[in-house]
Amino acid sequence: MQIHGMTAPEISRHLSVLKKAGLITTRRRGRYVLYQLDVTAVARLGSDFLEALLR
């Protein structure tokens, strides 16, 4: 099955990269894994990026 032009394994790989980068958190609920965006980490990334550009 494809969602938004991506296969399930592709989505899984992307989520793994985002988790390793600290941008999302996970919580297991039975056989399912719930993913949640870490808004604080994403906001920090934005401000750090802008700060680096302005140097």
N, C-alpha and C. Protein backbone atom coordinates (compact mmCIF):
# COMPACT_ATOMS: atom_id res chain seq x y z
N MET A 1 0.83 -1.18 0.00
CA MET A 1 0.00 0.00 0.00
C MET A 1 0.89 1.25 0.00
N GLN A 2 0.49 2.24 -0.76
CA GLN A 2 1.24 3.48 -0.81
C GLN A 2 0.39 4.63 -0.29
N ILE A 3 1.01 5.45 0.55
CA ILE A 3 0.36 6.63 1.08
C ILE A 3 1.21 7.82 0.67
N HIS A 4 0.59 8.77 0.01
CA HIS A 4 1.31 9.96 -0.46
C HIS A 4 2.51 9.58 -1.33
N GLY A 5 2.37 8.53 -2.13
CA GLY A 5 3.43 8.14 -3.05
C GLY A 5 4.59 7.43 -2.39
N MET A 6 4.45 7.01 -1.13
CA MET A 6 5.53 6.33 -0.42
C MET A 6 5.04 4.98 0.08
N THR A 7 5.93 4.01 0.07
CA THR A 7 5.59 2.70 0.60
C THR A 7 5.78 2.70 2.12
N ALA A 8 5.22 1.71 2.79
CA ALA A 8 5.35 1.60 4.24
C ALA A 8 6.82 1.52 4.67
N PRO A 9 7.68 0.73 3.98
CA PRO A 9 9.10 0.71 4.38
C PRO A 9 9.79 2.06 4.23
N GLU A 10 9.42 2.82 3.20
CA GLU A 10 10.02 4.16 3.03
C GLU A 10 9.61 5.09 4.17
N ILE A 11 8.36 5.03 4.55
CA ILE A 11 7.87 5.86 5.65
C ILE A 11 8.58 5.47 6.94
N SER A 12 8.73 4.16 7.15
CA SER A 12 9.41 3.66 8.35
C SER A 12 10.84 4.18 8.42
N ARG A 13 11.54 4.17 7.30
CA ARG A 13 12.93 4.67 7.26
C ARG A 13 12.97 6.16 7.60
N HIS A 14 12.06 6.93 7.04
CA HIS A 14 12.01 8.37 7.32
C HIS A 14 11.74 8.62 8.80
N LEU A 15 10.80 7.88 9.38
CA LEU A 15 10.50 8.04 10.79
C LEU A 15 11.69 7.68 11.66
N SER A 16 12.44 6.66 11.26
CA SER A 16 13.63 6.25 12.00
C SER A 16 14.68 7.37 12.00
N VAL A 17 14.87 8.01 10.86
CA VAL A 17 15.84 9.11 10.76
C VAL A 17 15.40 10.29 11.63
N LEU A 18 14.10 10.61 11.60
CA LEU A 18 13.60 11.71 12.41
C LEU A 18 13.74 11.41 13.91
N LYS A 19 13.54 10.15 14.28
CA LYS A 19 13.69 9.77 15.70
C LYS A 19 15.16 9.87 16.12
N LYS A 20 16.08 9.40 15.27
CA LYS A 20 17.50 9.48 15.60
C LYS A 20 17.95 10.94 15.70
N ALA A 21 17.32 11.82 14.93
CA ALA A 21 17.66 13.24 14.97
C ALA A 21 17.03 13.94 16.18
N GLY A 22 16.17 13.23 16.91
CA GLY A 22 15.53 13.82 18.08
C GLY A 22 14.36 14.72 17.77
N LEU A 23 13.80 14.59 16.56
CA LEU A 23 12.69 15.45 16.16
C LEU A 23 11.33 14.84 16.44
N ILE A 24 11.28 13.54 16.68
CA ILE A 24 10.03 12.90 17.04
C ILE A 24 10.26 11.95 18.22
N THR A 25 9.20 11.69 18.94
CA THR A 25 9.24 10.72 20.03
C THR A 25 8.29 9.59 19.68
N THR A 26 8.51 8.44 20.30
CA THR A 26 7.65 7.29 20.03
C THR A 26 7.10 6.75 21.34
N ARG A 27 5.94 6.12 21.22
CA ARG A 27 5.31 5.46 22.36
C ARG A 27 4.63 4.21 21.83
N ARG A 28 4.90 3.09 22.45
CA ARG A 28 4.31 1.83 22.01
C ARG A 28 2.96 1.63 22.68
N ARG A 29 1.99 1.25 21.88
CA ARG A 29 0.66 0.94 22.38
C ARG A 29 0.23 -0.39 21.76
N GLY A 30 0.50 -1.47 22.52
CA GLY A 30 0.24 -2.80 21.98
C GLY A 30 1.19 -3.08 20.83
N ARG A 31 0.65 -3.46 19.70
CA ARG A 31 1.51 -3.73 18.54
C ARG A 31 1.75 -2.49 17.68
N TYR A 32 1.18 -1.38 18.09
CA TYR A 32 1.33 -0.14 17.34
C TYR A 32 2.36 0.78 17.99
N VAL A 33 3.00 1.58 17.17
CA VAL A 33 3.92 2.60 17.66
C VAL A 33 3.34 3.95 17.27
N LEU A 34 3.17 4.81 18.27
CA LEU A 34 2.65 6.15 18.02
C LEU A 34 3.82 7.12 17.93
N TYR A 35 3.81 7.94 16.90
CA TYR A 35 4.87 8.92 16.69
C TYR A 35 4.32 10.30 16.98
N GLN A 36 5.14 11.13 17.63
CA GLN A 36 4.72 12.49 17.94
C GLN A 36 5.87 13.44 17.67
N LEU A 37 5.56 14.54 17.01
CA LEU A 37 6.56 15.56 16.72
C LEU A 37 6.98 16.24 18.01
N ASP A 38 8.27 16.39 18.23
CA ASP A 38 8.80 17.11 19.39
C ASP A 38 8.89 18.58 18.99
N VAL A 39 7.85 19.32 19.30
CA VAL A 39 7.74 20.72 18.85
C VAL A 39 8.90 21.56 19.37
N THR A 40 9.33 21.31 20.58
CA THR A 40 10.44 22.07 21.17
C THR A 40 11.72 21.85 20.36
N ALA A 41 11.99 20.60 19.99
CA ALA A 41 13.20 20.29 19.21
C ALA A 41 13.13 20.92 17.83
N VAL A 42 11.95 20.89 17.22
CA VAL A 42 11.79 21.48 15.88
C VAL A 42 11.94 22.99 15.95
N ALA A 43 11.38 23.62 16.97
CA ALA A 43 11.51 25.07 17.12
C ALA A 43 12.96 25.45 17.34
N ARG A 44 13.66 24.66 18.15
CA ARG A 44 15.08 24.92 18.40
C ARG A 44 15.89 24.79 17.12
N LEU A 45 15.54 23.81 16.31
CA LEU A 45 16.22 23.62 15.04
C LEU A 45 16.05 24.85 14.16
N GLY A 46 14.84 25.39 14.13
CA GLY A 46 14.58 26.58 13.33
C GLY A 46 15.38 27.77 13.80
N SER A 47 15.40 28.00 15.11
CA SER A 47 16.12 29.17 15.62
C SER A 47 17.63 28.98 15.47
N ASP A 48 18.14 27.77 15.68
CA ASP A 48 19.56 27.51 15.49
C ASP A 48 19.96 27.71 14.03
N PHE A 49 19.10 27.27 13.13
CA PHE A 49 19.37 27.41 11.70
C PHE A 49 19.42 28.89 11.31
N LEU A 50 18.44 29.65 11.76
CA LEU A 50 18.42 31.09 11.46
C LEU A 50 19.61 31.80 12.07
N GLU A 51 19.96 31.42 13.28
CA GLU A 51 21.11 32.02 13.95
C GLU A 51 22.39 31.77 13.17
N ALA A 52 22.55 30.56 12.66
CA ALA A 52 23.74 30.20 11.88
C ALA A 52 23.79 31.00 10.58
N LEU A 53 22.64 31.22 9.96
CA LEU A 53 22.59 32.00 8.71
C LEU A 53 22.98 33.45 8.93
N LEU A 54 22.61 33.98 10.08
CA LEU A 54 22.85 35.39 10.36
C LEU A 54 24.26 35.70 10.84
N ARG A 55 25.05 34.68 11.10
CA ARG A 55 26.44 34.91 11.56
C ARG A 55 27.30 35.41 10.46
